Amino acid sequence: MSWLKMVLVSLVISALASSSAMTAQATAEIMGASGDMLGTMTLTETPHGVLLFADLVRILPGNHSYHVHEKNLHARLPKN
């Protein structure tokens, strides 16, 4: 078998293997303290835990932190 055929077969097998592995994924909106949307966070389940990827806009440079709620508790709180 030529090296080109071996490469093509390897690519097809890799594509089939990766498409059959279902990955649990969720996306959450990131809200600022004043209620404005700052971006999104994608949570992806991996064999080693959950991977968090934040895509944020309109935040000032500097140190920031976040916390994660299992349930949307803020939706039930009255707004000031």
C-alpha atoms as a PDB file:
ATOM      1  CA  MET A   1       0.000   0.000   0.000  1.00  0.00           C
ATOM      2  CA  SER A   2       1.401   3.405  -0.910  1.00  0.00           C
ATOM      3  CA  TRP A   3       2.095   5.979   1.781  1.00  0.00           C
ATOM      4  CA  LEU A   4      -0.699   8.212   0.393  1.00  0.00           C
ATOM      5  CA  LYS A   5      -3.276   5.444   0.798  1.00  0.00           C
ATOM      6  CA  MET A   6      -2.016   4.750   4.322  1.00  0.00           C
ATOM      7  CA  VAL A   7      -2.351   8.431   5.223  1.00  0.00           C
ATOM      8  CA  LEU A   8      -5.882   8.596   3.791  1.00  0.00           C
ATOM      9  CA  VAL A   9      -6.956   5.437   5.623  1.00  0.00           C
ATOM     10  CA  SER A  10      -5.462   6.799   8.861  1.00  0.00           C
ATOM     11  CA  LEU A  11      -7.330  10.089   8.441  1.00  0.00           C
ATOM     12  CA  VAL A  12     -10.642   8.307   7.833  1.00  0.00           C
ATOM     13  CA  ILE A  13     -10.156   6.073  10.878  1.00  0.00           C
ATOM     14  CA  SER A  14      -9.247   9.091  13.031  1.00  0.00           C
ATOM     15  CA  ALA A  15     -12.308  11.006  11.852  1.00  0.00           C
ATOM     16  CA  LEU A  16     -14.616   8.087  12.597  1.00  0.00           C
ATOM     17  CA  ALA A  17     -13.087   7.547  16.034  1.00  0.00           C
ATOM     18  CA  SER A  18     -13.398  11.192  17.014  1.00  0.00           C
ATOM     19  CA  SER A  19     -16.970  11.528  15.753  1.00  0.00           C
ATOM     20  CA  SER A  20     -18.132   8.486  17.714  1.00  0.00           C
ATOM     21  CA  ALA A  21     -16.881   9.875  21.027  1.00  0.00           C
ATOM     22  CA  MET A  22     -19.714  12.024  22.348  1.00  0.00           C
ATOM     23  CA  THR A  23     -18.607  14.849  24.626  1.00  0.00           C
ATOM     24  CA  ALA A  24     -20.985  16.532  27.051  1.00  0.00           C
ATOM     25  CA  GLN A  25     -20.857  20.294  26.577  1.00  0.00           C
ATOM     26  CA  ALA A  26     -22.829  23.266  27.881  1.00  0.00           C
ATOM     27  CA  THR A  27     -22.656  27.021  27.377  1.00  0.00           C
ATOM     28  CA  ALA A  28     -23.508  29.640  30.006  1.00  0.00           C
ATOM     29  CA  GLU A  29     -23.883  33.409  29.761  1.00  0.00           C
ATOM     30  CA  ILE A  30     -21.507  35.418  31.965  1.00  0.00           C
ATOM     31  CA  MET A  31     -23.248  38.351  33.629  1.00  0.00           C
ATOM     32  CA  GLY A  32     -21.630  41.308  35.375  1.00  0.00           C
ATOM     33  CA  ALA A  33     -22.667  42.586  38.807  1.00  0.00           C
ATOM     34  CA  SER A  34     -24.937  45.167  37.155  1.00  0.00           C
ATOM     35  CA  GLY A  35     -26.640  42.492  35.051  1.00  0.00           C
ATOM     36  CA  ASP A  36     -24.938  43.256  31.738  1.00  0.00           C
ATOM     37  CA  MET A  37     -23.738  40.325  29.639  1.00  0.00           C
ATOM     38  CA  LEU A  38     -19.955  40.034  29.572  1.00  0.00           C
ATOM     39  CA  GLY A  39     -19.631  36.945  27.382  1.00  0.00           C
ATOM     40  CA  THR A  40     -20.018  33.191  27.519  1.00  0.00           C
ATOM     41  CA  MET A  41     -18.364  30.238  29.197  1.00  0.00           C
ATOM     42  CA  THR A  42     -18.254  26.824  27.565  1.00  0.00           C
ATOM     43  CA  LEU A  43     -18.027  23.808  29.873  1.00  0.00           C
ATOM     44  CA  THR A  44     -16.778  20.567  28.314  1.00  0.00           C
ATOM     45  CA  GLU A  45     -16.602  17.216  30.098  1.00  0.00           C
ATOM     46  CA  THR A  46     -13.211  15.526  29.705  1.00  0.00           C
ATOM     47  CA  PRO A  47     -11.770  12.309  31.165  1.00  0.00           C
ATOM     48  CA  HIS A  48      -9.870  14.477  33.681  1.00  0.00           C
ATOM     49  CA  GLY A  49     -12.726  16.758  34.752  1.00  0.00           C
ATOM     50  CA  VAL A  50     -14.638  19.697  33.330  1.00  0.00           C
ATOM     51  CA  LEU A  51     -12.797  22.149  31.078  1.00  0.00           C
ATOM     52  CA  LEU A  52     -13.959  25.780  31.356  1.00  0.00           C
ATOM     53  CA  PHE A  53     -13.366  28.197  28.457  1.00  0.00           C
ATOM     54  CA  ALA A  54     -14.397  31.826  28.941  1.00  0.00           C
ATOM     55  CA  ASP A  55     -14.981  34.166  25.985  1.00  0.00           C
ATOM     56  CA  LEU A  56     -15.350  37.564  27.657  1.00  0.00           C
ATOM     57  CA  VAL A  57     -15.740  41.086  26.276  1.00  0.00           C
ATOM     58  CA  ARG A  58     -16.025  44.559  27.827  1.00  0.00           C
ATOM     59  CA  ILE A  59     -14.040  43.808  30.977  1.00  0.00           C
ATOM     60  CA  LEU A  60     -11.218  45.954  32.276  1.00  0.00           C
ATOM     61  CA  PRO A  61      -7.687  44.541  32.409  1.00  0.00           C
ATOM     62  CA  GLY A  62      -6.656  43.171  35.772  1.00  0.00           C
ATOM     63  CA  ASN A  63      -7.303  40.296  38.125  1.00  0.00           C
ATOM     64  CA  HIS A  64     -10.804  38.861  38.037  1.00  0.00           C
ATOM     65  CA  SER A  65     -12.479  35.862  39.598  1.00  0.00           C
ATOM     66  CA  TYR A  66     -15.654  33.900  39.021  1.00  0.00           C
ATOM     67  CA  HIS A  67     -17.770  31.330  40.758  1.00  0.00           C
ATOM     68  CA  VAL A  68     -20.075  28.673  39.363  1.00  0.00           C
ATOM     69  CA  HIS A  69     -23.586  27.885  40.565  1.00  0.00           C
ATOM     70  CA  GLU A  70     -24.995  24.414  40.112  1.00  0.00           C
ATOM     71  CA  LYS A  71     -28.446  25.987  39.733  1.00  0.00           C
ATOM     72  CA  ASN A  72     -29.473  29.437  38.533  1.00  0.00           C
ATOM     73  CA  LEU A  73     -30.046  30.936  41.985  1.00  0.00           C
ATOM     74  CA  HIS A  74     -29.680  34.540  40.828  1.00  0.00           C
ATOM     75  CA  ALA A  75     -32.794  34.269  38.664  1.00  0.00           C
ATOM     76  CA  ARG A  76     -34.877  33.957  41.853  1.00  0.00           C
ATOM     77  CA  LEU A  77     -33.278  36.892  43.681  1.00  0.00           C
ATOM     78  CA  PRO A  78     -34.941  40.323  43.533  1.00  0.00           C
ATOM     79  CA  LYS A  79     -32.996  42.953  41.599  1.00  0.00           C
ATOM     80  CA  ASN A  80     -31.977  46.096  43.487  1.00  0.00           C
END
